[in-house]
Structure formats: C-alpha cells, structure tokens
Amino acid sequence: MASATAALRGGLPDRYLTPEDIAALFGVPLETVYQWRKKRTGPPGFRVGKHLRYDPAAVHSWASERMAADEAA
C-alpha cells in the first residue's frame, strides 16, 4: 500500500507543492517559478503564512490548459 506522499492524483503528489517542487516538475529554474507568480502566468499559488504552496489539482489543470493552447496554435 502506498504512503500518503506517494499517492498520486493526476500524476502529482497528494500534498501541497512547494515552489521547488514546481521547478523540478517542469524542469525550470526556481527563479522562473517566482517570475510566473509575479507576472500571474504560472499555476495559481497561495500563501500559508510566509510559505508559498500550490494545489496539485490546480497545477494539473494549469498544465492541461497550456498543452491545449499549444495544440490549438
């Protein structure tokens, strides 16, 4: 039986993701993730105190929208 962190939902961990997780997931520098947030072009994130987190379902949805937009272009 898989642990809670190993359980996958849409190919992503079943926990909130950190900016480092997003950078690793998309193979981009951490600074790119912060620029996406600043420009509001990346996956939607939220703050928990001083920590930035991302909902795996929202990240999956954002990535799906980007793929659909590329296919349509």
PDB file of N, CA and C in Angstrom:
ATOM      1  N   MET A   1       0.839  -1.184   0.000  1.00  0.00           N
ATOM      2  CA  MET A   1       0.000   0.000   0.000  1.00  0.00           C
ATOM      3  C   MET A   1       0.879   1.241   0.000  1.00  0.00           C
ATOM      4  N   ALA A   2       0.521   2.239  -0.798  1.00  0.00           N
ATOM      5  CA  ALA A   2       1.332   3.441  -0.947  1.00  0.00           C
ATOM      6  C   ALA A   2       1.139   4.386   0.227  1.00  0.00           C
ATOM      7  N   SER A   3       2.194   5.122   0.555  1.00  0.00           N
ATOM      8  CA  SER A   3       2.077   6.119   1.619  1.00  0.00           C
ATOM      9  C   SER A   3       1.340   7.341   1.098  1.00  0.00           C
ATOM     10  N   ALA A   4       0.977   8.247   2.001  1.00  0.00           N
ATOM     11  CA  ALA A   4       0.218   9.442   1.612  1.00  0.00           C
ATOM     12  C   ALA A   4       1.007  10.301   0.643  1.00  0.00           C
ATOM     13  N   THR A   5       2.324  10.404   0.826  1.00  0.00           N
ATOM     14  CA  THR A   5       3.116  11.235  -0.082  1.00  0.00           C
ATOM     15  C   THR A   5       3.362  10.549  -1.414  1.00  0.00           C
ATOM     16  N   ALA A   6       3.246   9.239  -1.447  1.00  0.00           N
ATOM     17  CA  ALA A   6       3.452   8.528  -2.699  1.00  0.00           C
ATOM     18  C   ALA A   6       2.162   8.391  -3.498  1.00  0.00           C
ATOM     19  N   ALA A   7       1.026   8.620  -2.850  1.00  0.00           N
ATOM     20  CA  ALA A   7      -0.251   8.527  -3.557  1.00  0.00           C
ATOM     21  C   ALA A   7      -0.313   9.623  -4.607  1.00  0.00           C
ATOM     22  N   LEU A   8      -0.736   9.271  -5.791  1.00  0.00           N
ATOM     23  CA  LEU A   8      -0.733  10.233  -6.888  1.00  0.00           C
ATOM     24  C   LEU A   8      -2.137  10.631  -7.278  1.00  0.00           C
ATOM     25  N   ARG A   9      -2.282  11.893  -7.622  1.00  0.00           N
ATOM     26  CA  ARG A   9      -3.541  12.431  -8.121  1.00  0.00           C
ATOM     27  C   ARG A   9      -3.189  13.179  -9.394  1.00  0.00           C
ATOM     28  N   GLY A  10      -3.563  12.622 -10.521  1.00  0.00           N
ATOM     29  CA  GLY A  10      -3.221  13.266 -11.786  1.00  0.00           C
ATOM     30  C   GLY A  10      -1.728  13.282 -12.037  1.00  0.00           C
ATOM     31  N   GLY A  11      -0.981  12.314 -11.508  1.00  0.00           N
ATOM     32  CA  GLY A  11       0.446  12.252 -11.706  1.00  0.00           C
ATOM     33  C   GLY A  11       1.236  13.134 -10.749  1.00  0.00           C
ATOM     34  N   LEU A  12       0.558  13.792  -9.816  1.00  0.00           N
ATOM     35  CA  LEU A  12       1.218  14.676  -8.860  1.00  0.00           C
ATOM     36  C   LEU A  12       1.037  14.150  -7.444  1.00  0.00           C
ATOM     37  N   PRO A  13       1.952  14.499  -6.536  1.00  0.00           N
ATOM     38  CA  PRO A  13       1.815  14.046  -5.144  1.00  0.00           C
ATOM     39  C   PRO A  13       0.520  14.542  -4.519  1.00  0.00           C
ATOM     40  N   ASP A  14      -0.002  13.782  -3.575  1.00  0.00           N
ATOM     41  CA  ASP A  14      -1.238  14.138  -2.883  1.00  0.00           C
ATOM     42  C   ASP A  14      -0.918  15.002  -1.666  1.00  0.00           C
ATOM     43  N   ARG A  15      -0.237  16.115  -1.918  1.00  0.00           N
ATOM     44  CA  ARG A  15       0.099  17.106  -0.894  1.00  0.00           C
ATOM     45  C   ARG A  15       0.290  18.432  -1.616  1.00  0.00           C
ATOM     46  N   TYR A  16       0.286  19.522  -0.867  1.00  0.00           N
ATOM     47  CA  TYR A  16       0.533  20.813  -1.498  1.00  0.00           C
ATOM     48  C   TYR A  16       1.987  20.894  -1.926  1.00  0.00           C
ATOM     49  N   LEU A  17       2.224  21.500  -3.075  1.00  0.00           N
ATOM     50  CA  LEU A  17       3.560  21.572  -3.657  1.00  0.00           C
ATOM     51  C   LEU A  17       4.250  22.873  -3.291  1.00  0.00           C
ATOM     52  N   THR A  18       5.569  22.822  -3.177  1.00  0.00           N
ATOM     53  CA  THR A  18       6.387  23.995  -2.908  1.00  0.00           C
ATOM     54  C   THR A  18       6.881  24.570  -4.235  1.00  0.00           C
ATOM     55  N   PRO A  19       7.404  25.789  -4.216  1.00  0.00           N
ATOM     56  CA  PRO A  19       7.999  26.328  -5.447  1.00  0.00           C
ATOM     57  C   PRO A  19       9.122  25.438  -5.982  1.00  0.00           C
ATOM     58  N   GLU A  20       9.875  24.822  -5.085  1.00  0.00           N
ATOM     59  CA  GLU A  20      10.939  23.908  -5.514  1.00  0.00           C
ATOM     60  C   GLU A  20      10.352  22.698  -6.248  1.00  0.00           C
ATOM     61  N   ASP A  21       9.207  22.197  -5.762  1.00  0.00           N
ATOM     62  CA  ASP A  21       8.529  21.081  -6.434  1.00  0.00           C
ATOM     63  C   ASP A  21       8.103  21.481  -7.843  1.00  0.00           C
ATOM     64  N   ILE A  22       7.565  22.695  -7.978  1.00  0.00           N
ATOM     65  CA  ILE A  22       7.114  23.176  -9.291  1.00  0.00           C
ATOM     66  C   ILE A  22       8.296  23.293 -10.243  1.00  0.00           C
ATOM     67  N   ALA A  23       9.407  23.856  -9.760  1.00  0.00           N
ATOM     68  CA  ALA A  23      10.607  23.998 -10.591  1.00  0.00           C
ATOM     69  C   ALA A  23      11.107  22.633 -11.058  1.00  0.00           C
ATOM     70  N   ALA A  24      11.143  21.667 -10.161  1.00  0.00           N
ATOM     71  CA  ALA A  24      11.597  20.324 -10.515  1.00  0.00           C
ATOM     72  C   ALA A  24      10.617  19.652 -11.472  1.00  0.00           C
ATOM     73  N   LEU A  25       9.334  19.837 -11.241  1.00  0.00           N
ATOM     74  CA  LEU A  25       8.302  19.208 -12.059  1.00  0.00           C
ATOM     75  C   LEU A  25       8.398  19.652 -13.522  1.00  0.00           C
ATOM     76  N   PHE A  26       8.620  20.957 -13.733  1.00  0.00           N
ATOM     77  CA  PHE A  26       8.669  21.490 -15.091  1.00  0.00           C
ATOM     78  C   PHE A  26      10.087  21.666 -15.615  1.00  0.00           C
ATOM     79  N   GLY A  27      11.075  21.355 -14.803  1.00  0.00           N
ATOM     80  CA  GLY A  27      12.465  21.443 -15.247  1.00  0.00           C
ATOM     81  C   GLY A  27      12.902  22.868 -15.551  1.00  0.00           C
ATOM     82  N   VAL A  28      12.460  23.807 -14.719  1.00  0.00           N
ATOM     83  CA  VAL A  28      12.817  25.210 -14.900  1.00  0.00           C
ATOM     84  C   VAL A  28      13.524  25.698 -13.629  1.00  0.00           C
ATOM     85  N   PRO A  29      14.284  26.791 -13.745  1.00  0.00           N
ATOM     86  CA  PRO A  29      14.914  27.341 -12.536  1.00  0.00           C
ATOM     87  C   PRO A  29      13.869  27.850 -11.547  1.00  0.00           C
ATOM     88  N   LEU A  30      14.217  27.845 -10.278  1.00  0.00           N
ATOM     89  CA  LEU A  30      13.318  28.322  -9.236  1.00  0.00           C
ATOM     90  C   LEU A  30      12.906  29.771  -9.490  1.00  0.00           C
ATOM     91  N   GLU A  31      13.825  30.582  -9.983  1.00  0.00           N
ATOM     92  CA  GLU A  31      13.506  31.986 -10.264  1.00  0.00           C
ATOM     93  C   GLU A  31      12.391  32.102 -11.302  1.00  0.00           C
ATOM     94  N   THR A  32      12.316  31.178 -12.237  1.00  0.00           N
ATOM     95  CA  THR A  32      11.240  31.186 -13.234  1.00  0.00           C
ATOM     96  C   THR A  32       9.885  31.005 -12.561  1.00  0.00           C
ATOM     97  N   VAL A  33       9.813  30.127 -11.592  1.00  0.00           N
ATOM     98  CA  VAL A  33       8.561  29.899 -10.862  1.00  0.00           C
ATOM     99  C   VAL A  33       8.123  31.189 -10.173  1.00  0.00           C
ATOM    100  N   TYR A  34       9.074  31.890  -9.549  1.00  0.00           N
ATOM    101  CA  TYR A  34       8.736  33.148  -8.883  1.00  0.00           C
ATOM    102  C   TYR A  34       8.326  34.223  -9.889  1.00  0.00           C
ATOM    103  N   GLN A  35       8.943  34.242 -11.072  1.00  0.00           N
ATOM    104  CA  GLN A  35       8.557  35.197 -12.111  1.00  0.00           C
ATOM    105  C   GLN A  35       7.163  34.885 -12.643  1.00  0.00           C
ATOM    106  N   TRP A  36       6.830  33.601 -12.793  1.00  0.00           N
ATOM    107  CA  TRP A  36       5.484  33.221 -13.218  1.00  0.00           C
ATOM    108  C   TRP A  36       4.461  33.767 -12.232  1.00  0.00           C
ATOM    109  N   ARG A  37       4.769  33.636 -10.942  1.00  0.00           N
ATOM    110  CA  ARG A  37       3.839  34.128  -9.924  1.00  0.00           C
ATOM    111  C   ARG A  37       3.721  35.648  -9.989  1.00  0.00           C
ATOM    112  N   LYS A  38       4.841  36.322 -10.121  1.00  0.00           N
ATOM    113  CA  LYS A  38       4.844  37.791 -10.172  1.00  0.00           C
ATOM    114  C   LYS A  38       4.049  38.296 -11.372  1.00  0.00           C
ATOM    115  N   LYS A  39       4.209  37.625 -12.522  1.00  0.00           N
ATOM    116  CA  LYS A  39       3.521  38.031 -13.758  1.00  0.00           C
ATOM    117  C   LYS A  39       2.131  37.410 -13.886  1.00  0.00           C
ATOM    118  N   ARG A  40       1.769  36.534 -12.939  1.00  0.00           N
ATOM    119  CA  ARG A  40       0.489  35.822 -12.951  1.00  0.00           C
ATOM    120  C   ARG A  40       0.292  34.988 -14.227  1.00  0.00           C
ATOM    121  N   THR A  41       1.367  34.347 -14.659  1.00  0.00           N
ATOM    122  CA  THR A  41       1.295  33.499 -15.846  1.00  0.00           C
ATOM    123  C   THR A  41       1.463  32.017 -15.520  1.00  0.00           C
ATOM    124  N   GLY A  42       1.840  31.702 -14.296  1.00  0.00           N
ATOM    125  CA  GLY A  42       2.073  30.321 -13.903  1.00  0.00           C
ATOM    126  C   GLY A  42       0.882  29.724 -13.191  1.00  0.00           C
ATOM    127  N   PRO A  43       1.075  28.547 -12.627  1.00  0.00           N
ATOM    128  CA  PRO A  43      -0.017  27.912 -11.886  1.00  0.00           C
ATOM    129  C   PRO A  43      -0.387  28.760 -10.671  1.00  0.00           C
ATOM    130  N   PRO A  44      -1.664  28.765 -10.300  1.00  0.00           N
ATOM    131  CA  PRO A  44      -2.077  29.578  -9.152  1.00  0.00           C
ATOM    132  C   PRO A  44      -1.517  29.012  -7.848  1.00  0.00           C
ATOM    133  N   GLY A  45      -0.950  29.900  -7.057  1.00  0.00           N
ATOM    134  CA  GLY A  45      -0.403  29.514  -5.772  1.00  0.00           C
ATOM    135  C   GLY A  45      -1.088  30.298  -4.666  1.00  0.00           C
ATOM    136  N   PHE A  46      -0.804  29.930  -3.449  1.00  0.00           N
ATOM    137  CA  PHE A  46      -1.370  30.639  -2.306  1.00  0.00           C
ATOM    138  C   PHE A  46      -0.372  30.615  -1.167  1.00  0.00           C
ATOM    139  N   ARG A  47      -0.529  31.528  -0.248  1.00  0.00           N
ATOM    140  CA  ARG A  47       0.379  31.642   0.886  1.00  0.00           C
ATOM    141  C   ARG A  47      -0.218  30.982   2.128  1.00  0.00           C
ATOM    142  N   VAL A  48       0.634  30.283   2.841  1.00  0.00           N
ATOM    143  CA  VAL A  48       0.321  29.748   4.159  1.00  0.00           C
ATOM    144  C   VAL A  48       1.350  30.406   5.071  1.00  0.00           C
ATOM    145  N   GLY A  49       0.942  31.510   5.701  1.00  0.00           N
ATOM    146  CA  GLY A  49       1.913  32.308   6.443  1.00  0.00           C
ATOM    147  C   GLY A  49       2.898  32.908   5.458  1.00  0.00           C
ATOM    148  N   LYS A  50       4.173  32.631   5.635  1.00  0.00           N
ATOM    149  CA  LYS A  50       5.181  33.149   4.712  1.00  0.00           C
ATOM    150  C   LYS A  50       5.536  32.147   3.612  1.00  0.00           C
ATOM    151  N   HIS A  51       4.904  30.994   3.617  1.00  0.00           N
ATOM    152  CA  HIS A  51       5.243  29.928   2.676  1.00  0.00           C
ATOM    153  C   HIS A  51       4.296  29.915   1.480  1.00  0.00           C
ATOM    154  N   LEU A  52       4.852  29.748   0.295  1.00  0.00           N
ATOM    155  CA  LEU A  52       4.083  29.662  -0.936  1.00  0.00           C
ATOM    156  C   LEU A  52       3.814  28.188  -1.237  1.00  0.00           C
ATOM    157  N   ARG A  53       2.554  27.875  -1.537  1.00  0.00           N
ATOM    158  CA  ARG A  53       2.174  26.496  -1.842  1.00  0.00           C
ATOM    159  C   ARG A  53       1.276  26.469  -3.066  1.00  0.00           C
ATOM    160  N   TYR A  54       1.231  25.305  -3.710  1.00  0.00           N
ATOM    161  CA  TYR A  54       0.429  25.095  -4.909  1.00  0.00           C
ATOM    162  C   TYR A  54      -0.421  23.844  -4.727  1.00  0.00           C
ATOM    163  N   ASP A  55      -1.677  23.925  -5.126  1.00  0.00           N
ATOM    164  CA  ASP A  55      -2.577  22.781  -5.080  1.00  0.00           C
ATOM    165  C   ASP A  55      -2.263  21.902  -6.297  1.00  0.00           C
ATOM    166  N   PRO A  56      -1.973  20.612  -6.106  1.00  0.00           N
ATOM    167  CA  PRO A  56      -1.646  19.742  -7.233  1.00  0.00           C
ATOM    168  C   PRO A  56      -2.736  19.722  -8.317  1.00  0.00           C
ATOM    169  N   ALA A  57      -4.002  19.782  -7.907  1.00  0.00           N
ATOM    170  CA  ALA A  57      -5.091  19.779  -8.895  1.00  0.00           C
ATOM    171  C   ALA A  57      -5.048  21.047  -9.746  1.00  0.00           C
ATOM    172  N   ALA A  58      -4.749  22.189  -9.136  1.00  0.00           N
ATOM    173  CA  ALA A  58      -4.665  23.448  -9.878  1.00  0.00           C
ATOM    174  C   ALA A  58      -3.463  23.436 -10.821  1.00  0.00           C
ATOM    175  N   VAL A  59      -2.357  22.853 -10.380  1.00  0.00           N
ATOM    176  CA  VAL A  59      -1.167  22.750 -11.236  1.00  0.00           C
ATOM    177  C   VAL A  59      -1.468  21.852 -12.432  1.00  0.00           C
ATOM    178  N   HIS A  60      -2.141  20.741 -12.186  1.00  0.00           N
ATOM    179  CA  HIS A  60      -2.507  19.822 -13.266  1.00  0.00           C
ATOM    180  C   HIS A  60      -3.428  20.519 -14.273  1.00  0.00           C
ATOM    181  N   SER A  61      -4.404  21.258 -13.766  1.00  0.00           N
ATOM    182  CA  SER A  61      -5.329  21.995 -14.628  1.00  0.00           C
ATOM    183  C   SER A  61      -4.588  23.050 -15.451  1.00  0.00           C
ATOM    184  N   TRP A  62      -3.685  23.791 -14.809  1.00  0.00           N
ATOM    185  CA  TRP A  62      -2.901  24.823 -15.494  1.00  0.00           C
ATOM    186  C   TRP A  62      -2.061  24.198 -16.606  1.00  0.00           C
ATOM    187  N   ALA A  63      -1.404  23.089 -16.319  1.00  0.00           N
ATOM    188  CA  ALA A  63      -0.575  22.420 -17.326  1.00  0.00           C
ATOM    189  C   ALA A  63      -1.438  21.913 -18.483  1.00  0.00           C
ATOM    190  N   SER A  64      -2.610  21.376 -18.184  1.00  0.00           N
ATOM    191  CA  SER A  64      -3.518  20.901 -19.235  1.00  0.00           C
ATOM    192  C   SER A  64      -3.963  22.047 -20.136  1.00  0.00           C
ATOM    193  N   GLU A  65      -4.260  23.206 -19.529  1.00  0.00           N
ATOM    194  CA  GLU A  65      -4.654  24.381 -20.317  1.00  0.00           C
ATOM    195  C   GLU A  65      -3.520  24.832 -21.223  1.00  0.00           C
ATOM    196  N   ARG A  66      -2.281  24.809 -20.727  1.00  0.00           N
ATOM    197  CA  ARG A  66      -1.126  25.207 -21.536  1.00  0.00           C
ATOM    198  C   ARG A  66      -0.952  24.245 -22.713  1.00  0.00           C
ATOM    199  N   MET A  67      -1.112  22.952 -22.465  1.00  0.00           N
ATOM    200  CA  MET A  67      -0.961  21.963 -23.540  1.00  0.00           C
ATOM    201  C   MET A  67      -2.048  22.141 -24.585  1.00  0.00           C
ATOM    202  N   ALA A  68      -3.286  22.393 -24.147  1.00  0.00           N
ATOM    203  CA  ALA A  68      -4.392  22.603 -25.079  1.00  0.00           C
ATOM    204  C   ALA A  68      -4.162  23.856 -25.916  1.00  0.00           C
ATOM    205  N   ALA A  69      -3.632  24.914 -25.298  1.00  0.00           N
ATOM    206  CA  ALA A  69      -3.371  26.158 -26.025  1.00  0.00           C
ATOM    207  C   ALA A  69      -2.272  25.938 -27.077  1.00  0.00           C
ATOM    208  N   ASP A  70      -1.252  25.147 -26.741  1.00  0.00           N
ATOM    209  CA  ASP A  70      -0.187  24.866 -27.704  1.00  0.00           C
ATOM    210  C   ASP A  70      -0.697  24.030 -28.877  1.00  0.00           C
ATOM    211  N   GLU A  71      -1.580  23.079 -28.591  1.00  0.00           N
ATOM    212  CA  GLU A  71      -2.131  22.230 -29.652  1.00  0.00           C
ATOM    213  C   GLU A  71      -3.014  23.046 -30.586  1.00  0.00           C
ATOM    214  N   ALA A  72      -3.729  24.026 -30.037  1.00  0.00           N
ATOM    215  CA  ALA A  72      -4.633  24.850 -30.833  1.00  0.00           C
ATOM    216  C   ALA A  72      -3.878  25.860 -31.697  1.00  0.00           C
ATOM    217  N   ALA A  73      -2.669  26.197 -31.294  1.00  0.00           N
ATOM    218  CA  ALA A  73      -1.893  27.213 -32.035  1.00  0.00           C
ATOM    219  C   ALA A  73      -1.288  26.661 -33.297  1.00  0.00           C
TER     220      ALA A  73
END
